[in-house]
Protein backbone atom coordinates (compact mmCIF):
# COMPACT_ATOMS: atom_id res chain seq x y z
CA MET A 1 6.00 -63.22 -114.87
CA ALA A 2 2.38 -62.28 -114.41
CA ILE A 3 1.59 -58.63 -114.53
CA PRO A 4 -1.36 -57.56 -112.39
CA PRO A 5 -4.03 -55.41 -113.96
CA PRO A 6 -3.91 -51.69 -113.29
CA PRO A 7 -5.75 -50.60 -110.19
CA GLY A 8 -9.28 -49.52 -110.52
CA PRO A 9 -10.77 -46.40 -109.08
CA ASP A 10 -11.52 -48.19 -105.79
CA GLN A 11 -8.36 -50.24 -105.69
CA PRO A 12 -5.19 -48.81 -104.13
CA SER A 13 -1.96 -49.01 -105.98
CA TYR A 14 0.78 -51.19 -104.46
CA PRO A 15 4.34 -51.59 -105.59
CA SER A 16 5.12 -54.63 -107.63
CA TYR A 17 6.93 -57.45 -105.83
CA PRO A 18 7.64 -60.93 -106.92
CA SER A 19 4.51 -62.89 -106.32
CA ASN A 20 6.29 -65.71 -104.64
CA PRO A 21 10.02 -65.31 -104.07
CA SER A 22 11.78 -68.50 -103.44
CA TYR A 23 14.20 -69.18 -100.56
CA PRO A 24 16.38 -72.21 -100.48
CA GLY A 25 15.02 -74.82 -98.16
CA GLN A 26 12.12 -72.65 -97.01
CA SER A 27 8.46 -72.73 -97.90
CA GLN A 28 5.84 -70.05 -97.55
CA ASN A 29 3.26 -70.33 -94.82
CA HIS A 30 0.39 -70.38 -97.35
CA PRO A 31 -1.04 -73.82 -98.03
CA GLN A 32 -2.70 -72.68 -101.20
CA GLN A 33 0.56 -71.68 -102.93
CA TYR A 34 3.69 -73.50 -103.94
CA PRO A 35 7.08 -72.28 -105.10
CA GLN A 36 7.34 -71.40 -108.80
CA ALA A 37 10.49 -71.10 -110.84
CA HIS A 38 11.23 -68.13 -113.03
CA PRO A 39 13.83 -69.31 -115.48
CA GLU A 40 13.41 -66.28 -117.64
CA TYR A 41 14.65 -63.97 -114.94
CA PRO A 42 16.91 -65.78 -112.56
CA GLN A 43 17.34 -63.72 -109.43
CA GLN A 44 19.72 -64.29 -106.59
CA TYR A 45 19.70 -62.75 -103.13
CA PRO A 46 23.07 -63.42 -101.61
CA GLN A 47 22.00 -61.78 -98.37
CA GLY A 48 18.29 -62.52 -98.55
CA PRO A 49 15.60 -60.03 -99.57
CA TYR A 50 16.07 -57.94 -96.35
CA ALA A 51 19.07 -56.29 -94.78
CA SER A 52 20.68 -58.20 -91.90
CA TRP A 53 20.79 -56.76 -88.36
CA PRO A 54 24.20 -55.31 -87.57
CA GLN A 55 24.11 -56.41 -83.90
CA GLY A 56 23.99 -60.13 -84.33
CA TYR A 57 20.92 -62.02 -83.23
CA SER A 58 19.19 -59.22 -81.24
CA PRO A 59 16.58 -57.38 -83.33
CA TYR A 60 16.64 -54.34 -80.94
CA ASN A 61 19.34 -51.82 -80.07
CA ARG A 62 20.58 -51.98 -76.44
CA PRO A 63 19.56 -48.87 -74.37
CA THR A 64 22.26 -46.41 -73.37
CA PRO A 65 23.19 -46.98 -69.67
CA VAL A 66 22.40 -44.42 -66.98
CA ASN A 67 25.41 -42.89 -65.27
CA GLY A 68 25.63 -44.24 -61.69
CA VAL A 69 27.42 -41.17 -60.39
CA ALA A 70 24.47 -39.04 -61.50
CA ILE A 71 22.13 -41.24 -59.48
CA ALA A 72 24.30 -40.88 -56.39
CA SER A 73 24.40 -37.10 -56.83
CA LEU A 74 20.61 -36.95 -57.04
CA VAL A 75 20.14 -39.08 -53.92
CA LEU A 76 22.55 -36.97 -51.85
CA GLY A 77 20.92 -33.80 -53.12
CA ILE A 78 17.41 -34.93 -52.19
CA LEU A 79 18.47 -36.06 -48.73
CA CYS A 80 20.57 -32.90 -48.22
CA PHE A 81 23.17 -35.24 -46.77
CA LEU A 82 26.80 -34.32 -47.41
CA PRO A 83 25.83 -31.60 -49.91
CA ALA A 84 29.44 -30.91 -50.86
CA VAL A 85 29.87 -34.54 -51.92
CA GLY A 86 26.59 -34.41 -53.86
CA LEU A 87 27.76 -31.32 -55.77
CA ILE A 88 31.12 -32.88 -56.64
CA LEU A 89 29.46 -36.10 -57.81
CA GLY A 90 27.07 -34.09 -59.99
CA ILE A 91 29.96 -32.34 -61.74
CA VAL A 92 31.83 -35.63 -62.22
CA ALA A 93 28.67 -37.21 -63.64
CA LEU A 94 28.22 -34.43 -66.23
CA VAL A 95 31.80 -34.89 -67.42
CA GLN A 96 31.39 -38.66 -67.72
CA ILE A 97 28.06 -38.32 -69.52
CA ARG A 98 29.60 -35.95 -72.07
CA LYS A 99 32.50 -38.33 -72.74
CA LYS A 100 30.64 -41.64 -72.75
CA GLY A 101 27.29 -40.54 -74.12
CA GLU A 102 25.48 -41.99 -71.12
CA ARG A 103 22.08 -40.95 -69.86
CA GLY A 104 21.38 -39.18 -66.55
CA LYS A 105 22.23 -35.60 -67.38
CA GLY A 106 18.99 -34.37 -65.80
CA MET A 107 19.66 -36.28 -62.60
CA ALA A 108 23.20 -34.91 -62.40
CA ILE A 109 21.99 -31.34 -62.86
CA THR A 110 19.19 -31.78 -60.32
CA GLY A 111 21.52 -33.39 -57.79
CA SER A 112 24.05 -30.59 -58.21
CA ALA A 113 21.36 -27.94 -57.78
CA LEU A 114 19.91 -29.54 -54.65
CA SER A 115 23.38 -30.03 -53.20
CA THR A 116 24.14 -26.37 -53.83
CA VAL A 117 21.00 -25.41 -51.93
CA GLY A 118 22.06 -27.75 -49.13
CA LEU A 119 25.48 -26.11 -48.96
CA VAL A 120 23.88 -22.68 -48.69
CA LEU A 121 21.62 -23.87 -45.86
CA TRP A 122 24.54 -25.41 -43.99
CA ALA A 123 26.49 -22.18 -44.36
CA LEU A 124 23.55 -20.19 -42.96
CA LEU A 125 23.19 -22.56 -40.01
CA LEU A 126 26.86 -22.32 -39.20
CA GLY A 127 26.97 -18.58 -39.65
CA THR A 128 23.89 -17.77 -37.57
CA GLY A 129 24.39 -20.36 -34.84
CA GLY A 130 21.33 -22.34 -35.89
CA LEU A 131 23.27 -25.59 -36.00
CA SER A 132 24.60 -24.98 -32.51
CA SER A 133 21.07 -24.27 -31.28
CA ALA A 134 19.78 -27.44 -32.88
CA TRP A 135 22.56 -29.48 -31.26
CA ASP A 136 21.89 -27.85 -27.91
CA GLY A 137 18.23 -28.72 -28.29
CA PHE A 138 19.12 -32.33 -29.00
CA LYS A 139 21.36 -32.47 -25.94
CA ASP A 140 18.67 -30.87 -23.79
CA ALA A 141 16.19 -33.46 -24.96
CA ALA A 142 18.70 -36.18 -24.19
CA LYS A 143 19.22 -34.72 -20.75
CA GLU A 144 15.50 -34.66 -20.09
CA ASP A 145 15.16 -38.25 -21.22
CA ASN A 146 18.13 -39.46 -19.19
CA SER A 147 18.31 -37.15 -16.17
CA SER A 148 17.17 -39.47 -13.43
CA PHE A 149 14.00 -40.32 -15.31
CA SER A 150 12.88 -36.65 -15.34
CA LEU A 151 11.83 -36.75 -11.70
CA ALA A 152 11.17 -33.39 -10.05
CA LYS A 153 11.36 -32.24 -6.47
CA GLY A 154 8.33 -33.52 -4.56
CA ASP A 155 7.66 -36.46 -6.91
CA CYS A 156 7.06 -39.92 -5.48
CA PHE A 157 7.73 -43.10 -7.42
CA ASP A 158 8.02 -46.88 -7.38
CA SER A 159 11.08 -48.64 -8.73
CA LEU A 160 10.48 -51.45 -11.18
CA ASP A 161 12.07 -54.06 -8.92
CA GLY A 162 10.87 -52.57 -5.62
CA SER A 163 14.39 -51.62 -4.50
CA LEU A 164 16.34 -48.36 -4.44
CA GLU A 165 19.71 -50.04 -4.84
CA GLY A 166 21.52 -51.16 -7.98
CA LEU A 167 20.89 -50.06 -11.56
CA ALA A 168 17.50 -48.59 -12.39
CA TYR A 169 16.31 -48.27 -15.98
CA ASP A 170 12.98 -46.63 -15.25
CA VAL A 171 10.56 -45.74 -12.44
CA ASP A 172 6.80 -45.39 -12.15
CA PRO A 173 5.52 -42.05 -10.77
CA VAL A 174 2.85 -42.57 -8.10
CA PRO A 175 0.93 -40.30 -5.70
CA CYS A 176 2.79 -39.48 -2.49
CA SER A 177 -0.38 -40.05 -0.47
CA GLY A 178 -0.12 -43.80 -0.95
CA ALA A 179 2.68 -46.30 -0.51
CA HIS A 180 5.77 -45.58 -2.61
CA ASP A 181 9.43 -46.56 -2.82
CA GLY A 182 10.95 -43.09 -2.97
CA GLU A 183 10.28 -39.36 -2.68
CA VAL A 184 12.50 -36.82 -4.46
CA PHE A 185 13.64 -34.03 -2.14
CA ALA A 186 16.43 -32.37 -4.16
CA SER A 187 18.50 -32.54 -7.33
CA PHE A 188 21.64 -30.87 -8.62
CA ARG A 189 24.02 -31.05 -11.56
CA MET A 190 27.65 -32.01 -11.48
CA PRO A 191 30.16 -29.87 -13.40
CA ALA A 192 30.67 -30.58 -17.09
CA GLY A 193 33.72 -32.48 -18.25
CA ALA A 194 34.87 -36.06 -18.47
CA TYR A 195 33.03 -38.65 -16.42
CA PRO A 196 34.64 -38.46 -12.95
CA GLY A 197 34.14 -42.14 -12.17
CA ASP A 198 31.59 -44.05 -10.12
CA ASP A 199 33.34 -43.47 -6.79
CA ARG A 200 33.54 -39.71 -7.23
CA VAL A 201 29.91 -39.46 -8.33
CA THR A 202 28.83 -41.44 -5.28
CA GLU A 203 30.97 -39.30 -2.98
CA VAL A 204 29.48 -36.06 -4.30
CA ALA A 205 25.95 -37.46 -4.11
CA ASP A 206 26.46 -38.58 -0.52
CA ASP A 207 27.81 -35.22 0.64
CA ARG A 208 25.33 -33.02 -1.17
CA CYS A 209 22.16 -35.03 -0.60
CA TYR A 210 22.64 -35.23 3.16
CA ALA A 211 23.31 -31.49 3.21
CA LEU A 212 20.13 -30.72 1.24
CA GLU A 213 17.63 -32.95 3.02
CA ASP A 214 16.63 -30.46 5.74
CA ARG A 215 15.66 -27.87 3.13
CA TYR A 216 12.84 -30.19 2.08
CA ALA A 217 12.05 -31.92 5.37
CA MET A 218 12.72 -28.89 7.57
CA ASP A 219 11.14 -30.45 10.65
CA ALA A 220 13.50 -33.30 11.48
CA TRP A 221 11.19 -34.42 14.28
CA ALA A 222 8.51 -35.21 11.69
CA VAL A 223 10.74 -37.62 9.76
CA PRO A 224 10.22 -41.27 10.80
CA ASP A 225 13.29 -43.11 12.04
CA ASP A 226 12.95 -45.73 9.28
CA VAL A 227 13.70 -43.15 6.57
CA ASP A 228 17.07 -43.04 4.85
CA VAL A 229 18.65 -41.04 2.03
CA TYR A 230 19.27 -42.52 -1.42
CA TYR A 231 20.29 -40.96 -4.71
CA LEU A 232 19.91 -41.58 -8.42
CA THR A 233 23.14 -40.88 -10.28
CA PRO A 234 24.18 -40.78 -13.95
CA THR A 235 25.99 -43.72 -15.48
CA ARG A 236 29.03 -43.49 -17.70
CA GLN A 237 26.78 -44.00 -20.73
CA SER A 238 24.18 -41.37 -19.81
CA TRP A 239 26.96 -38.91 -18.92
CA ARG A 240 28.03 -38.92 -22.58
CA LEU A 241 24.52 -37.74 -23.52
CA GLY A 242 24.75 -34.79 -21.14
CA ASP A 243 23.12 -36.33 -18.06
CA HIS A 244 25.08 -34.89 -15.13
CA GLU A 245 22.18 -34.69 -12.70
CA ILE A 246 22.02 -36.34 -9.28
CA THR A 247 18.59 -36.82 -7.72
CA CYS A 248 18.29 -37.10 -3.93
CA VAL A 249 15.57 -39.40 -2.65
CA PHE A 250 14.00 -40.38 0.65
CA GLY A 251 13.40 -44.10 0.98
CA ASN A 252 12.92 -46.77 3.60
CA VAL A 253 15.92 -47.98 5.60
CA ASP A 254 14.90 -51.42 4.39
CA THR A 255 15.77 -51.26 0.71
CA ASN A 256 12.73 -53.39 -0.09
CA GLY A 257 10.42 -51.38 2.19
CA SER A 258 8.21 -48.44 1.28
CA LEU A 259 7.02 -45.07 2.58
CA THR A 260 3.51 -43.70 2.97
CA GLY A 261 2.67 -40.02 2.78
CA SER A 262 4.88 -37.08 1.89
CA LEU A 263 7.78 -35.97 4.08
CA ARG A 264 7.75 -32.47 2.67
CA LYS A 265 7.89 -29.73 5.28
CA ASP A 266 9.05 -26.51 3.63
CA GLU A 267 7.71 -23.15 2.51
CA THR A 268 5.10 -24.89 0.35
CA THR A 269 3.48 -26.68 3.30
CA LEU A 270 4.37 -24.64 6.43
CA ASP A 271 2.81 -21.42 7.70
CA ALA A 272 4.87 -18.32 8.52
CA ASP A 273 5.21 -19.11 12.23
CA GLN A 274 6.35 -22.68 11.62
CA LEU A 275 8.77 -21.61 8.90
CA THR A 276 10.38 -18.92 11.07
CA TYR A 277 10.83 -21.28 14.01
CA LEU A 278 12.42 -24.03 11.91
CA LYS A 279 14.73 -21.66 10.04
CA ALA A 280 15.97 -20.30 13.36
CA ALA A 281 16.46 -23.82 14.72
CA HIS A 282 18.51 -24.83 11.70
CA ILE A 283 21.00 -22.03 12.34
CA LEU A 284 21.88 -23.52 15.71
CA ASN A 285 21.82 -27.09 14.42
CA ALA A 286 24.28 -26.19 11.65
CA ALA A 287 26.69 -24.70 14.18
CA MET A 288 26.39 -27.70 16.49
CA ASP A 289 27.21 -29.85 13.47
CA THR A 290 30.74 -28.40 13.31
CA ALA A 291 32.03 -29.99 16.53
CA PRO A 292 35.70 -31.04 16.43
CA ASP A 293 36.61 -34.62 15.64
CA ALA A 294 38.42 -34.99 18.98
CA GLU A 295 36.12 -36.76 21.43
CA PHE A 296 37.53 -35.04 24.53
CA VAL A 297 38.03 -31.33 25.05
CA GLU A 298 41.52 -31.80 26.49
CA ASP A 299 42.58 -33.48 23.26
CA ASP A 300 41.79 -30.34 21.25
CA LEU A 301 40.97 -27.36 23.45
CA PRO A 302 41.61 -24.75 20.70
CA GLY A 303 39.28 -26.61 18.33
CA HIS A 304 36.52 -26.80 20.93
CA LYS A 305 36.87 -23.12 21.76
CA LYS A 306 36.42 -22.21 18.08
CA TRP A 307 33.38 -24.46 17.97
CA ALA A 308 31.93 -22.75 21.05
CA GLN A 309 32.41 -19.40 19.33
CA ARG A 310 30.49 -20.61 16.26
CA VAL A 311 27.66 -21.79 18.51
CA THR A 312 27.62 -18.40 20.23
CA VAL A 313 27.22 -16.60 16.90
CA ALA A 314 24.46 -19.04 15.88
CA LEU A 315 22.56 -18.42 19.12
CA ASP A 316 22.72 -14.68 18.48
CA GLU A 317 21.24 -15.14 15.00
CA GLN A 318 18.61 -17.60 16.17
CA THR A 319 17.47 -15.23 18.89
CA ARG A 320 17.33 -12.35 16.40
CA LEU A 321 15.07 -14.28 14.00
CA LEU A 322 12.67 -15.41 16.72
CA THR A 323 12.32 -11.94 18.24
CA ALA A 324 11.94 -10.21 14.87
CA HIS A 325 8.91 -12.32 13.90
CA ARG A 326 5.47 -11.72 15.37
CA PHE A 327 4.08 -15.11 16.32
CA ALA A 328 0.42 -15.91 16.81
CA ALA A 329 -0.98 -15.24 20.27
CA THR A 330 -1.27 -18.97 20.96
CA ALA A 331 2.46 -19.54 20.36
CA SER A 332 4.00 -16.23 21.43
CA PRO A 333 4.41 -17.00 25.21
CA SER A 334 6.15 -20.35 24.67
CA VAL A 335 8.44 -18.87 22.01
CA ALA A 336 9.34 -16.04 24.39
CA ALA A 337 10.30 -18.59 27.07
CA LEU A 338 12.48 -20.37 24.55
CA VAL A 339 14.21 -17.11 23.62
CA LYS A 340 15.03 -16.57 27.30
CA ASP A 341 16.72 -19.99 27.45
CA LEU A 342 18.64 -19.27 24.26
CA ARG A 343 20.02 -16.03 25.67
CA GLY A 344 21.15 -17.81 28.83
CA ALA A 345 22.79 -20.52 26.76
CA ARG A 346 24.51 -17.91 24.64
CA LYS A 347 26.31 -16.51 27.71
CA GLU A 348 27.58 -19.95 28.71
CA TRP A 349 28.84 -20.84 25.24
CA ALA A 350 30.58 -17.49 24.96
CA ALA A 351 32.32 -18.18 28.28
CA ALA A 352 33.34 -21.63 27.03
CA ALA A 353 34.89 -19.98 23.98
CA ARG A 354 37.10 -17.94 26.32
CA ALA A 355 38.09 -20.86 28.59
CA THR A 356 41.78 -21.27 29.30
CA ASP A 357 41.61 -24.93 30.28
CA ALA A 358 39.45 -27.99 29.67
CA ASP A 359 37.77 -27.97 33.10
CA THR A 360 36.54 -24.40 32.66
CA PHE A 361 35.28 -25.29 29.20
CA TYR A 362 33.34 -28.26 30.56
CA ASP A 363 31.68 -26.15 33.26
CA HIS A 364 30.25 -23.61 30.83
CA TYR A 365 29.56 -26.20 28.16
CA ASP A 366 27.45 -28.34 30.51
CA THR A 367 25.35 -25.38 31.68
CA GLY A 368 24.87 -24.08 28.15
CA SER A 369 23.88 -27.51 26.84
CA GLU A 370 21.33 -27.95 29.63
CA LEU A 371 19.61 -24.74 28.53
CA LEU A 372 19.39 -26.21 25.01
CA ASP A 373 17.85 -29.49 26.14
CA VAL A 374 15.34 -30.77 23.59
CA ASP A 375 12.59 -31.06 26.20
CA ARG A 376 12.55 -27.26 26.44
CA THR A 377 11.38 -27.04 22.81
CA VAL A 378 8.38 -29.38 23.09
CA THR A 379 6.03 -26.67 24.39
CA PRO A 380 6.68 -24.10 21.63
CA ARG A 381 6.55 -26.86 19.02
CA LYS A 382 3.17 -27.98 20.26
CA ALA A 383 1.88 -24.41 20.16
CA LEU A 384 3.11 -24.06 16.57
CA GLY A 385 1.59 -27.33 15.38
CA LEU A 386 4.94 -29.04 14.77
CA ALA A 387 6.04 -32.54 15.72
CA THR A 388 6.58 -32.93 19.47
CA THR A 389 8.36 -36.28 19.68
CA PRO A 390 12.15 -35.93 19.40
CA PRO A 391 13.94 -38.33 17.06
CA PRO A 392 15.60 -41.33 18.74
CA TYR A 393 19.09 -39.83 18.46
CA GLU A 394 17.89 -36.71 20.31
CA GLN A 395 16.46 -38.76 23.16
CA ASN A 396 19.59 -40.89 23.41
CA ASP A 397 22.10 -38.05 23.24
CA GLY A 398 20.16 -35.67 25.48
CA SER A 399 22.14 -32.47 25.93
CA ASP A 400 25.61 -33.86 25.84
CA GLY A 401 26.43 -31.95 22.70
CA GLY A 402 27.61 -35.03 20.83
CA THR A 403 26.67 -35.85 17.30
CA GLY A 404 23.80 -38.09 16.43
CA GLY A 405 21.84 -39.01 13.34
CA THR A 406 20.63 -36.78 10.57
CA GLY A 407 18.57 -33.85 11.75
CA GLY A 408 16.56 -33.70 8.56
CA GLY A 409 16.59 -37.24 7.32
CA GLY A 410 15.75 -39.60 10.13
CA GLY A 411 17.82 -42.33 11.66
CA GLY A 412 19.52 -43.32 8.45
CA GLY A 413 21.62 -40.17 8.13
CA GLU A 414 24.70 -38.92 9.85
CA GLY A 415 26.44 -35.82 11.01
CA ASP A 416 23.87 -33.49 12.64
CA ALA A 417 24.19 -32.36 16.23
CA GLY A 418 22.47 -34.17 19.05
CA ILE A 419 20.96 -30.88 20.25
CA GLU A 420 18.11 -29.60 18.13
CA VAL A 421 15.46 -27.05 19.05
């Protein structure tokens, strides 16, 4: 065996190894050298010159797995979603990591800490009512988004299909000065609770909308006879989101027709004289609206006498309102003449209320109705700047006291008295 010379001052010292160890059936990757035998010192390496790897063929140790429960705890903690579950998973993960030697201890601790913070926040929200307020805010937003398309009183709009019948998923707000499909004149909410059904919703909408129309269009004579009442109602689906609102709308009698200009005649558009006159007129119209169902007096004399008494009270109140207000000089004389007719009519209706038989009732009823003839109101209306052409149902019914169309909603309505001043 060759012994290398000792290292010089500039030569590092290396440990001595066999210059060319031999392996059975294997050659060194050095073309300049060849295997040499060393008979003097036979050496055997039953396991080779290096230690074998204890894990088979892989020269690297496999990494320790990360605990999946720890990952889940961290995710729930970050999202603050189900914090109680995140805290429990974090504790379970720490126990598993300790037993199995897995990684993820930091994630488990972080997830548990974040979940604890989430639990504290949830407790504060529940204790202070913050969660309830947040839910109420969500429901309010849902209501605004679903309550008849967020239309307000006085808004005009076009439907997407040009019709006011059937299902509507959205509408386009447009100026009332131009052509439009509908004009909102009122809205109201139905009581909370389970959805009452389509028929009940329609019934309530029909009753309430017709009753509210003359608060918006107070001068019934100014409403064209091609105007009808429609309504936008909640569906079963929108009801679940808190939409209980019904929106009342003026539209054309022809469902595919349109309107032009606003029909609004209320305190926002009328002067004090006009407003006083129309409010007084509505008192009488409301009383006339309560006529008995029986067509003939002799079929229900007691019912007609009670009706005559209601008309008498209404005439008293109407007269009081008109005399309490100081009208402009241009309208005062004609209003005074109207008041004189109302007082005369009041005496006749009071006598009808005391009638003992149908003939006597008819006598006083006819005289009282003549004093309330619509033609007697044209002059004061003209002086006040109100519409002077009676609606068709007024002209047809004259002063017979029967019922005609809607006093505030044009020819498409129903139920108002044929006499209107």
